[in-house]
Amino acid sequence: MMTAEIDAGNCGLNTVVNVRASDDRQAVTIELLSECPNVQEAAEELAQLAVSSEVFGPGRDTQVCQAMGRHTRHPGCPVAAGILKAIEAELGLAFARDITIKLRPS
């Protein structure tokens, strides 16, 4: 199982993502534990996903991005990216490494 801890930034609402691949690695089970009510709504749609639709093809077509787009109110929310990275890492398609976005006034 792969776990991602997401600090969404200014909103201060944290999310924990637990991803477990099926034995045949064709599907993943996702558990979203979030302080954000919008992410909690999306969690119902994202509990079980086919791998092919989430890691191969345009990002806008993933069920993760579509569900987060329907339920979250902020387009810059990093939770969708965190979910997708956790899926990739669970499947061995990406290294389990932290992702960082640093914003600095210039």
Foldseek 3Di string as FASTA:
>chain_A
DFWDWDQQPPVRKIKIWDWAADPVRQKIAIDIDIPDPLVVVLNVVRRMGGPCQQPDDDNCRHSLNVSSVVRPDDPSGCVSVRNSVRSCCNSVNDPPDDDDDDDDDD
